[in-house]
């Protein structure tokens, strides 16, 4: 335990917006957005909740700022790379950011923060540089956004199915697959492949799906094979 004078110095450490938001980000990683409150945030920082309002406007301000902080983890793509590689790297980086902070991919603040605006601009610029018509780029932006957010949200919220037998006891997955194999052979094969993705030779499920999306977009680039 630190000596009393050290604890006193720690208590006197001034609050600022950056420190409040960093604490909010860490707290939300632990308890989710539904568990975040100004009272809990104040407790984490060792201050009364009311003192936080000297640095933030309230919970909505905090949530909007920490969601944008997650978007800020996505670096700008290499402008010298092809349009496809720019989109691919940005989508993968965003996916990784959401895996680290899954609550951020299911909440959309009323106002869009600067980091997300920059990410949107980077994606639209890559689509434009790739020669996609404006109407195609418009839809492509939303498709990629929805794919990243939807895939990550499903993955982060996935709960393995309850594999119980008639007697109420939990079944070994292999036993379960064998038990349904005769009636539902394709589903049995699918379940059997869960957990062995890496051995399929297709990369991660996220990257496999992302490449399918990008392959589809490439068909709309003038001069590329359809």
C-alpha atoms as a PDB file:
ATOM      1  CA  UNK A   1       0.000   0.000   0.000  1.00  0.00           C
ATOM      2  CA  UNK A   2       1.421   3.454  -0.898  1.00  0.00           C
ATOM      3  CA  UNK A   3       2.208   5.848   1.955  1.00  0.00           C
ATOM      4  CA  UNK A   4      -0.495   8.400   2.937  1.00  0.00           C
ATOM      5  CA  UNK A   5       1.223  11.309   1.193  1.00  0.00           C
ATOM      6  CA  UNK A   6       1.324   9.330  -2.082  1.00  0.00           C
ATOM      7  CA  UNK A   7      -2.381   8.524  -1.791  1.00  0.00           C
ATOM      8  CA  UNK A   8      -3.105  12.190  -1.137  1.00  0.00           C
ATOM      9  CA  UNK A   9      -1.216  13.204  -4.288  1.00  0.00           C
ATOM     10  CA  UNK A  10      -3.184  10.615  -6.291  1.00  0.00           C
ATOM     11  CA  UNK A  11      -6.455  12.017  -5.000  1.00  0.00           C
ATOM     12  CA  UNK A  12      -5.395  15.547  -5.952  1.00  0.00           C
ATOM     13  CA  UNK A  13      -4.520  14.561  -9.534  1.00  0.00           C
ATOM     14  CA  UNK A  14      -6.633  16.950 -11.595  1.00  0.00           C
ATOM     15  CA  UNK A  15      -9.374  15.633 -13.798  1.00  0.00           C
ATOM     16  CA  UNK A  16      -9.528  16.531 -17.446  1.00  0.00           C
ATOM     17  CA  UNK A  17     -11.677  15.385 -20.343  1.00  0.00           C
ATOM     18  CA  UNK A  18      -9.092  12.915 -21.621  1.00  0.00           C
ATOM     19  CA  UNK A  19      -8.782  11.184 -18.253  1.00  0.00           C
ATOM     20  CA  UNK A  20     -12.560  10.992 -17.832  1.00  0.00           C
ATOM     21  CA  UNK A  21     -13.020   9.473 -21.286  1.00  0.00           C
ATOM     22  CA  UNK A  22     -10.198   6.958 -20.836  1.00  0.00           C
ATOM     23  CA  UNK A  23     -11.796   5.780 -17.593  1.00  0.00           C
ATOM     24  CA  UNK A  24     -15.170   5.586 -19.324  1.00  0.00           C
ATOM     25  CA  UNK A  25     -13.696   3.469 -22.131  1.00  0.00           C
ATOM     26  CA  UNK A  26     -12.151   1.031 -19.657  1.00  0.00           C
ATOM     27  CA  UNK A  27     -15.325   0.870 -17.586  1.00  0.00           C
ATOM     28  CA  UNK A  28     -17.491   0.237 -20.637  1.00  0.00           C
ATOM     29  CA  UNK A  29     -15.197  -2.592 -21.726  1.00  0.00           C
ATOM     30  CA  UNK A  30     -15.944  -4.189 -18.364  1.00  0.00           C
ATOM     31  CA  UNK A  31     -19.658  -3.527 -17.922  1.00  0.00           C
ATOM     32  CA  UNK A  32     -20.972  -2.646 -21.391  1.00  0.00           C
ATOM     33  CA  UNK A  33     -22.880   0.466 -22.391  1.00  0.00           C
ATOM     34  CA  UNK A  34     -25.890  -0.586 -20.345  1.00  0.00           C
ATOM     35  CA  UNK A  35     -23.712  -0.694 -17.231  1.00  0.00           C
ATOM     36  CA  UNK A  36     -22.085   2.682 -17.765  1.00  0.00           C
ATOM     37  CA  UNK A  37     -23.373   5.512 -15.587  1.00  0.00           C
ATOM     38  CA  UNK A  38     -22.011   8.817 -14.401  1.00  0.00           C
ATOM     39  CA  UNK A  39     -22.163   7.529 -10.834  1.00  0.00           C
ATOM     40  CA  UNK A  40     -20.043   4.470 -11.627  1.00  0.00           C
ATOM     41  CA  UNK A  41     -17.650   6.571 -13.664  1.00  0.00           C
ATOM     42  CA  UNK A  42     -17.236   8.981 -10.762  1.00  0.00           C
ATOM     43  CA  UNK A  43     -16.591   6.081  -8.398  1.00  0.00           C
ATOM     44  CA  UNK A  44     -13.926   4.739 -10.722  1.00  0.00           C
ATOM     45  CA  UNK A  45     -12.172   8.093 -10.729  1.00  0.00           C
ATOM     46  CA  UNK A  46     -12.675   8.631  -6.999  1.00  0.00           C
ATOM     47  CA  UNK A  47     -14.837  11.730  -7.398  1.00  0.00           C
ATOM     48  CA  UNK A  48     -18.476  12.713  -7.111  1.00  0.00           C
ATOM     49  CA  UNK A  49     -20.455  12.265 -10.310  1.00  0.00           C
ATOM     50  CA  UNK A  50     -21.317  15.977 -10.427  1.00  0.00           C
ATOM     51  CA  UNK A  51     -17.649  16.933 -10.755  1.00  0.00           C
ATOM     52  CA  UNK A  52     -17.506  15.079 -14.079  1.00  0.00           C
ATOM     53  CA  UNK A  53     -19.801  17.678 -15.628  1.00  0.00           C
ATOM     54  CA  UNK A  54     -16.930  20.152 -15.552  1.00  0.00           C
ATOM     55  CA  UNK A  55     -15.353  18.076 -18.344  1.00  0.00           C
ATOM     56  CA  UNK A  56     -18.226  16.327 -20.153  1.00  0.00           C
ATOM     57  CA  UNK A  57     -21.827  17.286 -20.867  1.00  0.00           C
ATOM     58  CA  UNK A  58     -23.288  14.029 -19.602  1.00  0.00           C
ATOM     59  CA  UNK A  59     -23.536  10.366 -20.485  1.00  0.00           C
ATOM     60  CA  UNK A  60     -24.507  10.987 -24.115  1.00  0.00           C
ATOM     61  CA  UNK A  61     -21.385  13.108 -24.572  1.00  0.00           C
ATOM     62  CA  UNK A  62     -19.239  10.416 -22.940  1.00  0.00           C
ATOM     63  CA  UNK A  63     -20.679   7.601 -25.033  1.00  0.00           C
ATOM     64  CA  UNK A  64     -20.350   9.532 -28.283  1.00  0.00           C
ATOM     65  CA  UNK A  65     -16.725  10.343 -27.489  1.00  0.00           C
ATOM     66  CA  UNK A  66     -15.677   6.803 -26.542  1.00  0.00           C
ATOM     67  CA  UNK A  67     -17.408   5.301 -29.587  1.00  0.00           C
ATOM     68  CA  UNK A  68     -15.418   7.727 -31.723  1.00  0.00           C
ATOM     69  CA  UNK A  69     -12.277   6.749 -29.812  1.00  0.00           C
ATOM     70  CA  UNK A  70     -12.800   3.184 -31.004  1.00  0.00           C
ATOM     71  CA  UNK A  71     -13.115   4.414 -34.596  1.00  0.00           C
ATOM     72  CA  UNK A  72      -9.856   6.316 -34.100  1.00  0.00           C
ATOM     73  CA  UNK A  73      -8.074   2.947 -33.766  1.00  0.00           C
ATOM     74  CA  UNK A  74      -8.517   2.489 -37.522  1.00  0.00           C
ATOM     75  CA  UNK A  75      -5.476   4.006 -39.273  1.00  0.00           C
ATOM     76  CA  UNK A  76      -5.776   5.679 -42.634  1.00  0.00           C
ATOM     77  CA  UNK A  77      -5.052   3.187 -45.423  1.00  0.00           C
ATOM     78  CA  UNK A  78      -1.976   3.483 -47.609  1.00  0.00           C
ATOM     79  CA  UNK A  79      -3.066   5.814 -50.441  1.00  0.00           C
ATOM     80  CA  UNK A  80      -0.588   4.139 -52.809  1.00  0.00           C
ATOM     81  CA  UNK A  81      -2.338   0.771 -52.402  1.00  0.00           C
ATOM     82  CA  UNK A  82      -5.061  -0.383 -54.774  1.00  0.00           C
ATOM     83  CA  UNK A  83      -8.650   0.589 -54.016  1.00  0.00           C
ATOM     84  CA  UNK A  84      -9.347  -3.012 -53.021  1.00  0.00           C
ATOM     85  CA  UNK A  85      -6.393  -3.243 -50.616  1.00  0.00           C
ATOM     86  CA  UNK A  86      -7.332   0.087 -49.034  1.00  0.00           C
ATOM     87  CA  UNK A  87     -10.888  -1.092 -48.392  1.00  0.00           C
ATOM     88  CA  UNK A  88      -9.718  -4.504 -47.208  1.00  0.00           C
ATOM     89  CA  UNK A  89      -7.173  -3.173 -44.715  1.00  0.00           C
ATOM     90  CA  UNK A  90      -9.583  -0.580 -43.324  1.00  0.00           C
ATOM     91  CA  UNK A  91     -12.366  -3.158 -42.905  1.00  0.00           C
ATOM     92  CA  UNK A  92     -10.032  -5.592 -41.131  1.00  0.00           C
ATOM     93  CA  UNK A  93      -8.681  -2.853 -38.839  1.00  0.00           C
ATOM     94  CA  UNK A  94     -12.232  -1.769 -37.973  1.00  0.00           C
ATOM     95  CA  UNK A  95     -13.221  -5.374 -37.300  1.00  0.00           C
ATOM     96  CA  UNK A  96     -10.281  -5.776 -34.922  1.00  0.00           C
ATOM     97  CA  UNK A  97     -11.200  -2.525 -33.136  1.00  0.00           C
ATOM     98  CA  UNK A  98     -14.770  -3.750 -32.652  1.00  0.00           C
ATOM     99  CA  UNK A  99     -13.571  -7.152 -31.433  1.00  0.00           C
ATOM    100  CA  UNK A 100     -11.633  -5.318 -28.711  1.00  0.00           C
ATOM    101  CA  UNK A 101     -14.622  -3.074 -27.921  1.00  0.00           C
ATOM    102  CA  UNK A 102     -17.745  -4.948 -29.118  1.00  0.00           C
ATOM    103  CA  UNK A 103     -20.193  -2.512 -27.505  1.00  0.00           C
ATOM    104  CA  UNK A 104     -19.054   0.145 -29.987  1.00  0.00           C
ATOM    105  CA  UNK A 105     -20.414  -1.664 -33.043  1.00  0.00           C
ATOM    106  CA  UNK A 106     -24.023  -1.699 -31.845  1.00  0.00           C
ATOM    107  CA  UNK A 107     -24.409   1.937 -30.780  1.00  0.00           C
ATOM    108  CA  UNK A 108     -24.660   4.864 -33.162  1.00  0.00           C
ATOM    109  CA  UNK A 109     -24.486   8.268 -31.467  1.00  0.00           C
ATOM    110  CA  UNK A 110     -26.824  10.991 -32.752  1.00  0.00           C
ATOM    111  CA  UNK A 111     -23.803  12.930 -34.041  1.00  0.00           C
ATOM    112  CA  UNK A 112     -20.947  11.298 -35.925  1.00  0.00           C
ATOM    113  CA  UNK A 113     -17.520  11.960 -34.426  1.00  0.00           C
ATOM    114  CA  UNK A 114     -14.438  13.156 -36.340  1.00  0.00           C
ATOM    115  CA  UNK A 115     -12.673   9.774 -36.337  1.00  0.00           C
ATOM    116  CA  UNK A 116     -15.642   8.041 -37.918  1.00  0.00           C
ATOM    117  CA  UNK A 117     -16.013  10.855 -40.449  1.00  0.00           C
ATOM    118  CA  UNK A 118     -12.368  10.400 -41.468  1.00  0.00           C
ATOM    119  CA  UNK A 119     -12.864   6.631 -41.792  1.00  0.00           C
ATOM    120  CA  UNK A 120     -15.917   7.202 -43.998  1.00  0.00           C
ATOM    121  CA  UNK A 121     -13.988   9.673 -46.148  1.00  0.00           C
ATOM    122  CA  UNK A 122     -11.127   7.174 -46.585  1.00  0.00           C
ATOM    123  CA  UNK A 123     -13.534   4.455 -47.711  1.00  0.00           C
ATOM    124  CA  UNK A 124     -15.363   6.716 -50.138  1.00  0.00           C
ATOM    125  CA  UNK A 125     -12.068   8.021 -51.541  1.00  0.00           C
ATOM    126  CA  UNK A 126     -10.861   4.462 -52.183  1.00  0.00           C
ATOM    127  CA  UNK A 127     -14.127   3.639 -53.955  1.00  0.00           C
ATOM    128  CA  UNK A 128     -13.839   6.809 -56.039  1.00  0.00           C
ATOM    129  CA  UNK A 129     -10.181   6.142 -56.890  1.00  0.00           C
ATOM    130  CA  UNK A 130     -11.146   2.629 -57.945  1.00  0.00           C
ATOM    131  CA  UNK A 131     -13.382   4.081 -60.620  1.00  0.00           C
ATOM    132  CA  UNK A 132     -16.704   2.940 -59.176  1.00  0.00           C
ATOM    133  CA  UNK A 133     -19.642   5.082 -60.293  1.00  0.00           C
ATOM    134  CA  UNK A 134     -21.015   7.378 -57.591  1.00  0.00           C
ATOM    135  CA  UNK A 135     -24.227   5.359 -57.201  1.00  0.00           C
ATOM    136  CA  UNK A 136     -22.275   2.108 -56.781  1.00  0.00           C
ATOM    137  CA  UNK A 137     -19.871   3.735 -54.305  1.00  0.00           C
ATOM    138  CA  UNK A 138     -22.875   4.981 -52.323  1.00  0.00           C
ATOM    139  CA  UNK A 139     -24.249   1.468 -51.881  1.00  0.00           C
ATOM    140  CA  UNK A 140     -20.809  -0.108 -51.508  1.00  0.00           C
ATOM    141  CA  UNK A 141     -20.004   2.083 -48.510  1.00  0.00           C
ATOM    142  CA  UNK A 142     -23.136   0.936 -46.700  1.00  0.00           C
ATOM    143  CA  UNK A 143     -22.619  -2.714 -47.663  1.00  0.00           C
ATOM    144  CA  UNK A 144     -19.057  -2.813 -46.289  1.00  0.00           C
ATOM    145  CA  UNK A 145     -20.090  -0.928 -43.150  1.00  0.00           C
ATOM    146  CA  UNK A 146     -22.990  -3.305 -42.554  1.00  0.00           C
ATOM    147  CA  UNK A 147     -20.839  -6.370 -43.181  1.00  0.00           C
ATOM    148  CA  UNK A 148     -18.138  -5.335 -40.686  1.00  0.00           C
ATOM    149  CA  UNK A 149     -20.618  -4.289 -38.005  1.00  0.00           C
ATOM    150  CA  UNK A 150     -22.993  -7.215 -38.522  1.00  0.00           C
ATOM    151  CA  UNK A 151     -20.310  -9.903 -38.634  1.00  0.00           C
ATOM    152  CA  UNK A 152     -18.519  -8.544 -35.570  1.00  0.00           C
ATOM    153  CA  UNK A 153     -21.731  -8.114 -33.602  1.00  0.00           C
ATOM    154  CA  UNK A 154     -22.828 -11.666 -34.357  1.00  0.00           C
ATOM    155  CA  UNK A 155     -19.390 -13.026 -33.499  1.00  0.00           C
ATOM    156  CA  UNK A 156     -19.095 -11.096 -30.226  1.00  0.00           C
ATOM    157  CA  UNK A 157     -22.600 -12.157 -29.132  1.00  0.00           C
ATOM    158  CA  UNK A 158     -22.324 -15.773 -30.231  1.00  0.00           C
ATOM    159  CA  UNK A 159     -23.237 -18.322 -27.591  1.00  0.00           C
ATOM    160  CA  UNK A 160     -22.625 -22.011 -28.407  1.00  0.00           C
ATOM    161  CA  UNK A 161     -25.896 -23.919 -28.651  1.00  0.00           C
ATOM    162  CA  UNK A 162     -27.144 -25.831 -25.656  1.00  0.00           C
ATOM    163  CA  UNK A 163     -26.303 -29.393 -26.618  1.00  0.00           C
ATOM    164  CA  UNK A 164     -28.371 -31.413 -24.197  1.00  0.00           C
ATOM    165  CA  UNK A 165     -29.788 -34.856 -24.623  1.00  0.00           C
ATOM    166  CA  UNK A 166     -33.270 -36.151 -23.722  1.00  0.00           C
ATOM    167  CA  UNK A 167     -32.045 -36.884 -20.215  1.00  0.00           C
ATOM    168  CA  UNK A 168     -31.007 -33.259 -19.711  1.00  0.00           C
ATOM    169  CA  UNK A 169     -27.285 -34.041 -19.675  1.00  0.00           C
ATOM    170  CA  UNK A 170     -24.860 -32.067 -21.787  1.00  0.00           C
ATOM    171  CA  UNK A 171     -23.722 -33.921 -24.879  1.00  0.00           C
ATOM    172  CA  UNK A 172     -20.239 -34.005 -26.290  1.00  0.00           C
ATOM    173  CA  UNK A 173     -20.389 -32.012 -29.570  1.00  0.00           C
ATOM    174  CA  UNK A 174     -19.186 -35.015 -31.562  1.00  0.00           C
ATOM    175  CA  UNK A 175     -21.863 -37.185 -30.000  1.00  0.00           C
ATOM    176  CA  UNK A 176     -24.459 -34.536 -30.819  1.00  0.00           C
ATOM    177  CA  UNK A 177     -23.335 -34.377 -34.449  1.00  0.00           C
ATOM    178  CA  UNK A 178     -23.591 -38.151 -34.703  1.00  0.00           C
ATOM    179  CA  UNK A 179     -27.063 -38.088 -33.159  1.00  0.00           C
ATOM    180  CA  UNK A 180     -28.460 -35.721 -35.842  1.00  0.00           C
ATOM    181  CA  UNK A 181     -26.319 -36.929 -38.730  1.00  0.00           C
ATOM    182  CA  UNK A 182     -28.884 -39.308 -40.155  1.00  0.00           C
ATOM    183  CA  UNK A 183     -31.740 -36.821 -40.205  1.00  0.00           C
ATOM    184  CA  UNK A 184     -29.828 -33.581 -40.892  1.00  0.00           C
ATOM    185  CA  UNK A 185     -26.561 -34.570 -42.577  1.00  0.00           C
ATOM    186  CA  UNK A 186     -25.605 -31.127 -43.926  1.00  0.00           C
ATOM    187  CA  UNK A 187     -26.231 -29.429 -40.589  1.00  0.00           C
ATOM    188  CA  UNK A 188     -24.220 -32.161 -38.875  1.00  0.00           C
ATOM    189  CA  UNK A 189     -21.315 -31.505 -41.223  1.00  0.00           C
ATOM    190  CA  UNK A 190     -21.588 -27.758 -40.585  1.00  0.00           C
ATOM    191  CA  UNK A 191     -21.544 -28.169 -36.797  1.00  0.00           C
ATOM    192  CA  UNK A 192     -18.598 -30.538 -37.090  1.00  0.00           C
ATOM    193  CA  UNK A 193     -16.581 -27.788 -38.803  1.00  0.00           C
ATOM    194  CA  UNK A 194     -17.114 -25.304 -35.970  1.00  0.00           C
ATOM    195  CA  UNK A 195     -13.875 -24.676 -34.149  1.00  0.00           C
ATOM    196  CA  UNK A 196     -11.658 -25.899 -37.002  1.00  0.00           C
ATOM    197  CA  UNK A 197     -11.934 -22.835 -39.264  1.00  0.00           C
ATOM    198  CA  UNK A 198      -8.188 -22.445 -39.607  1.00  0.00           C
ATOM    199  CA  UNK A 199      -7.801 -25.925 -41.040  1.00  0.00           C
ATOM    200  CA  UNK A 200     -10.205 -25.202 -43.910  1.00  0.00           C
ATOM    201  CA  UNK A 201      -7.592 -23.254 -45.882  1.00  0.00           C
ATOM    202  CA  UNK A 202      -9.901 -20.268 -46.462  1.00  0.00           C
ATOM    203  CA  UNK A 203      -8.547 -17.852 -43.850  1.00  0.00           C
ATOM    204  CA  UNK A 204     -10.798 -16.377 -41.196  1.00  0.00           C
ATOM    205  CA  UNK A 205     -14.540 -16.331 -41.715  1.00  0.00           C
ATOM    206  CA  UNK A 206     -14.472 -12.547 -41.622  1.00  0.00           C
ATOM    207  CA  UNK A 207     -11.840 -12.200 -44.337  1.00  0.00           C
ATOM    208  CA  UNK A 208     -13.505 -14.868 -46.482  1.00  0.00           C
ATOM    209  CA  UNK A 209     -16.785 -12.941 -46.431  1.00  0.00           C
ATOM    210  CA  UNK A 210     -15.047  -9.609 -46.941  1.00  0.00           C
ATOM    211  CA  UNK A 211     -13.311 -10.908 -50.053  1.00  0.00           C
ATOM    212  CA  UNK A 212     -16.664 -12.057 -51.424  1.00  0.00           C
ATOM    213  CA  UNK A 213     -17.998  -8.527 -50.947  1.00  0.00           C
ATOM    214  CA  UNK A 214     -14.950  -6.994 -52.636  1.00  0.00           C
ATOM    215  CA  UNK A 215     -15.142  -9.512 -55.488  1.00  0.00           C
ATOM    216  CA  UNK A 216     -18.708  -8.399 -56.080  1.00  0.00           C
ATOM    217  CA  UNK A 217     -17.710  -4.723 -56.077  1.00  0.00           C
ATOM    218  CA  UNK A 218     -14.895  -5.386 -58.561  1.00  0.00           C
ATOM    219  CA  UNK A 219     -17.524  -6.371 -61.134  1.00  0.00           C
ATOM    220  CA  UNK A 220     -18.688  -2.757 -61.156  1.00  0.00           C
ATOM    221  CA  UNK A 221     -15.243  -1.271 -61.821  1.00  0.00           C
ATOM    222  CA  UNK A 222     -14.967  -0.219 -65.472  1.00  0.00           C
ATOM    223  CA  UNK A 223     -12.480  -2.387 -67.328  1.00  0.00           C
ATOM    224  CA  UNK A 224     -12.380  -5.212 -64.781  1.00  0.00           C
ATOM    225  CA  UNK A 225     -13.767  -8.647 -65.753  1.00  0.00           C
ATOM    226  CA  UNK A 226     -17.342  -9.357 -64.739  1.00  0.00           C
END
